[in-house]
């Protein structure tokens, strides 16, 4: 009786994460400046990965797989903001202005 509800909830979470991933990918391609693209990438990772991982946790039940997924989730929460900050700091140090348009476009 509980299994169909868990399946529905897990698939809803996985699809929600997938939608956020697609929206984030569109943002990376469509946004005009380097810093807005960094923001889109960071938000896509923050909004895409947790629902997908939570959906997979519901599918796996209480097991070693769930523990590994929790470790991955914690790792992503710690590294995503750090990576975005490091990229932005390196771009500023390299002379990229936050007001430049179409940086890196060919």
C-alpha atoms as a PDB file:
ATOM      1  CA  UNK A   1       0.000   0.000   0.000  1.00  0.00           C
ATOM      2  CA  UNK A   2       2.856   2.395   0.819  1.00  0.00           C
ATOM      3  CA  UNK A   3       5.015   1.328  -2.129  1.00  0.00           C
ATOM      4  CA  UNK A   4       2.973   3.056  -4.892  1.00  0.00           C
ATOM      5  CA  UNK A   5       3.016   6.306  -2.918  1.00  0.00           C
ATOM      6  CA  UNK A   6       6.798   6.092  -2.505  1.00  0.00           C
ATOM      7  CA  UNK A   7       7.192   5.333  -6.207  1.00  0.00           C
ATOM      8  CA  UNK A   8       5.040   8.328  -7.148  1.00  0.00           C
ATOM      9  CA  UNK A   9       6.883  10.656  -4.767  1.00  0.00           C
ATOM     10  CA  UNK A  10      10.307   9.470  -5.888  1.00  0.00           C
ATOM     11  CA  UNK A  11       9.466   9.865  -9.565  1.00  0.00           C
ATOM     12  CA  UNK A  12       7.963  13.299  -8.899  1.00  0.00           C
ATOM     13  CA  UNK A  13      11.208  14.344  -7.198  1.00  0.00           C
ATOM     14  CA  UNK A  14      13.347  12.920 -10.001  1.00  0.00           C
ATOM     15  CA  UNK A  15      11.275  14.689 -12.663  1.00  0.00           C
ATOM     16  CA  UNK A  16      11.358  17.943 -10.699  1.00  0.00           C
ATOM     17  CA  UNK A  17      15.135  17.756 -10.500  1.00  0.00           C
ATOM     18  CA  UNK A  18      15.302  17.022 -14.212  1.00  0.00           C
ATOM     19  CA  UNK A  19      13.169  20.067 -15.003  1.00  0.00           C
ATOM     20  CA  UNK A  20      15.440  22.270 -12.882  1.00  0.00           C
ATOM     21  CA  UNK A  21      18.436  20.786 -14.696  1.00  0.00           C
ATOM     22  CA  UNK A  22      17.005  21.622 -18.106  1.00  0.00           C
ATOM     23  CA  UNK A  23      16.100  25.149 -16.983  1.00  0.00           C
ATOM     24  CA  UNK A  24      19.609  25.616 -15.592  1.00  0.00           C
ATOM     25  CA  UNK A  25      21.143  24.365 -18.841  1.00  0.00           C
ATOM     26  CA  UNK A  26      19.052  26.836 -20.814  1.00  0.00           C
ATOM     27  CA  UNK A  27      20.186  29.567 -18.439  1.00  0.00           C
ATOM     28  CA  UNK A  28      23.836  28.669 -18.978  1.00  0.00           C
ATOM     29  CA  UNK A  29      23.403  28.909 -22.727  1.00  0.00           C
ATOM     30  CA  UNK A  30      21.133  31.958 -22.881  1.00  0.00           C
ATOM     31  CA  UNK A  31      22.392  34.331 -20.185  1.00  0.00           C
ATOM     32  CA  UNK A  32      24.630  37.122 -21.477  1.00  0.00           C
ATOM     33  CA  UNK A  33      27.520  37.524 -19.030  1.00  0.00           C
ATOM     34  CA  UNK A  34      30.039  35.197 -17.426  1.00  0.00           C
ATOM     35  CA  UNK A  35      28.816  35.952 -13.927  1.00  0.00           C
ATOM     36  CA  UNK A  36      25.155  35.326 -14.745  1.00  0.00           C
ATOM     37  CA  UNK A  37      26.163  32.008 -16.322  1.00  0.00           C
ATOM     38  CA  UNK A  38      28.045  31.065 -13.147  1.00  0.00           C
ATOM     39  CA  UNK A  39      24.905  31.903 -11.206  1.00  0.00           C
ATOM     40  CA  UNK A  40      22.786  29.735 -13.506  1.00  0.00           C
ATOM     41  CA  UNK A  41      25.204  26.824 -13.165  1.00  0.00           C
ATOM     42  CA  UNK A  42      25.307  27.091  -9.380  1.00  0.00           C
ATOM     43  CA  UNK A  43      21.541  27.354  -9.062  1.00  0.00           C
ATOM     44  CA  UNK A  44      21.028  24.483 -11.482  1.00  0.00           C
ATOM     45  CA  UNK A  45      23.266  22.263  -9.392  1.00  0.00           C
ATOM     46  CA  UNK A  46      21.661  23.385  -6.140  1.00  0.00           C
ATOM     47  CA  UNK A  47      18.098  22.945  -7.396  1.00  0.00           C
ATOM     48  CA  UNK A  48      18.655  19.911  -9.640  1.00  0.00           C
ATOM     49  CA  UNK A  49      20.753  17.459  -7.641  1.00  0.00           C
ATOM     50  CA  UNK A  50      18.909  17.336  -4.280  1.00  0.00           C
ATOM     51  CA  UNK A  51      15.484  16.329  -5.636  1.00  0.00           C
ATOM     52  CA  UNK A  52      17.063  13.701  -7.873  1.00  0.00           C
ATOM     53  CA  UNK A  53      19.131  12.316  -5.009  1.00  0.00           C
ATOM     54  CA  UNK A  54      16.133  12.344  -2.655  1.00  0.00           C
ATOM     55  CA  UNK A  55      14.077  10.483  -5.250  1.00  0.00           C
ATOM     56  CA  UNK A  56      16.809   7.881  -5.579  1.00  0.00           C
ATOM     57  CA  UNK A  57      16.988   7.597  -1.787  1.00  0.00           C
ATOM     58  CA  UNK A  58      13.263   6.829  -1.683  1.00  0.00           C
ATOM     59  CA  UNK A  59      13.736   4.174  -4.362  1.00  0.00           C
ATOM     60  CA  UNK A  60      16.668   2.507  -2.605  1.00  0.00           C
ATOM     61  CA  UNK A  61      15.114   2.300   0.861  1.00  0.00           C
ATOM     62  CA  UNK A  62      17.299   2.040   3.966  1.00  0.00           C
ATOM     63  CA  UNK A  63      20.574   0.638   2.670  1.00  0.00           C
ATOM     64  CA  UNK A  64      24.211   1.426   2.025  1.00  0.00           C
ATOM     65  CA  UNK A  65      23.139   3.076  -1.225  1.00  0.00           C
ATOM     66  CA  UNK A  66      21.085   5.616   0.732  1.00  0.00           C
ATOM     67  CA  UNK A  67      24.071   6.431   2.925  1.00  0.00           C
ATOM     68  CA  UNK A  68      26.222   6.967  -0.167  1.00  0.00           C
ATOM     69  CA  UNK A  69      23.584   9.249  -1.682  1.00  0.00           C
ATOM     70  CA  UNK A  70      23.502  11.307   1.531  1.00  0.00           C
ATOM     71  CA  UNK A  71      27.300  11.637   1.387  1.00  0.00           C
ATOM     72  CA  UNK A  72      27.058  12.797  -2.235  1.00  0.00           C
ATOM     73  CA  UNK A  73      24.363  15.324  -1.276  1.00  0.00           C
ATOM     74  CA  UNK A  74      26.484  16.753   1.555  1.00  0.00           C
ATOM     75  CA  UNK A  75      29.516  16.890  -0.753  1.00  0.00           C
ATOM     76  CA  UNK A  76      27.522  18.826  -3.372  1.00  0.00           C
ATOM     77  CA  UNK A  77      26.187  21.282  -0.813  1.00  0.00           C
ATOM     78  CA  UNK A  78      29.735  21.993   0.365  1.00  0.00           C
ATOM     79  CA  UNK A  79      31.491  22.162  -3.004  1.00  0.00           C
ATOM     80  CA  UNK A  80      28.986  23.901  -5.285  1.00  0.00           C
ATOM     81  CA  UNK A  81      29.099  27.328  -3.614  1.00  0.00           C
ATOM     82  CA  UNK A  82      32.862  27.023  -3.182  1.00  0.00           C
ATOM     83  CA  UNK A  83      33.386  26.267  -6.862  1.00  0.00           C
ATOM     84  CA  UNK A  84      31.128  29.121  -7.979  1.00  0.00           C
ATOM     85  CA  UNK A  85      32.917  31.538  -5.669  1.00  0.00           C
ATOM     86  CA  UNK A  86      36.344  30.380  -6.882  1.00  0.00           C
ATOM     87  CA  UNK A  87      35.332  30.832 -10.526  1.00  0.00           C
ATOM     88  CA  UNK A  88      33.945  34.309  -9.885  1.00  0.00           C
ATOM     89  CA  UNK A  89      37.010  35.324  -7.875  1.00  0.00           C
ATOM     90  CA  UNK A  90      39.352  34.037 -10.606  1.00  0.00           C
ATOM     91  CA  UNK A  91      37.384  35.906 -13.261  1.00  0.00           C
ATOM     92  CA  UNK A  92      37.566  39.142 -11.285  1.00  0.00           C
ATOM     93  CA  UNK A  93      41.286  38.617 -10.681  1.00  0.00           C
ATOM     94  CA  UNK A  94      41.728  37.961 -14.412  1.00  0.00           C
ATOM     95  CA  UNK A  95      40.163  41.287 -15.290  1.00  0.00           C
ATOM     96  CA  UNK A  96      36.676  40.233 -16.324  1.00  0.00           C
ATOM     97  CA  UNK A  97      34.251  42.991 -15.443  1.00  0.00           C
ATOM     98  CA  UNK A  98      30.812  42.013 -14.117  1.00  0.00           C
ATOM     99  CA  UNK A  99      29.392  44.458 -16.657  1.00  0.00           C
ATOM    100  CA  UNK A 100      31.035  42.926 -19.768  1.00  0.00           C
ATOM    101  CA  UNK A 101      28.602  41.445 -22.280  1.00  0.00           C
ATOM    102  CA  UNK A 102      29.175  38.191 -24.166  1.00  0.00           C
ATOM    103  CA  UNK A 103      32.394  37.144 -22.455  1.00  0.00           C
ATOM    104  CA  UNK A 104      33.650  33.897 -23.922  1.00  0.00           C
ATOM    105  CA  UNK A 105      31.184  33.790 -26.807  1.00  0.00           C
ATOM    106  CA  UNK A 106      32.529  33.127 -30.254  1.00  0.00           C
END
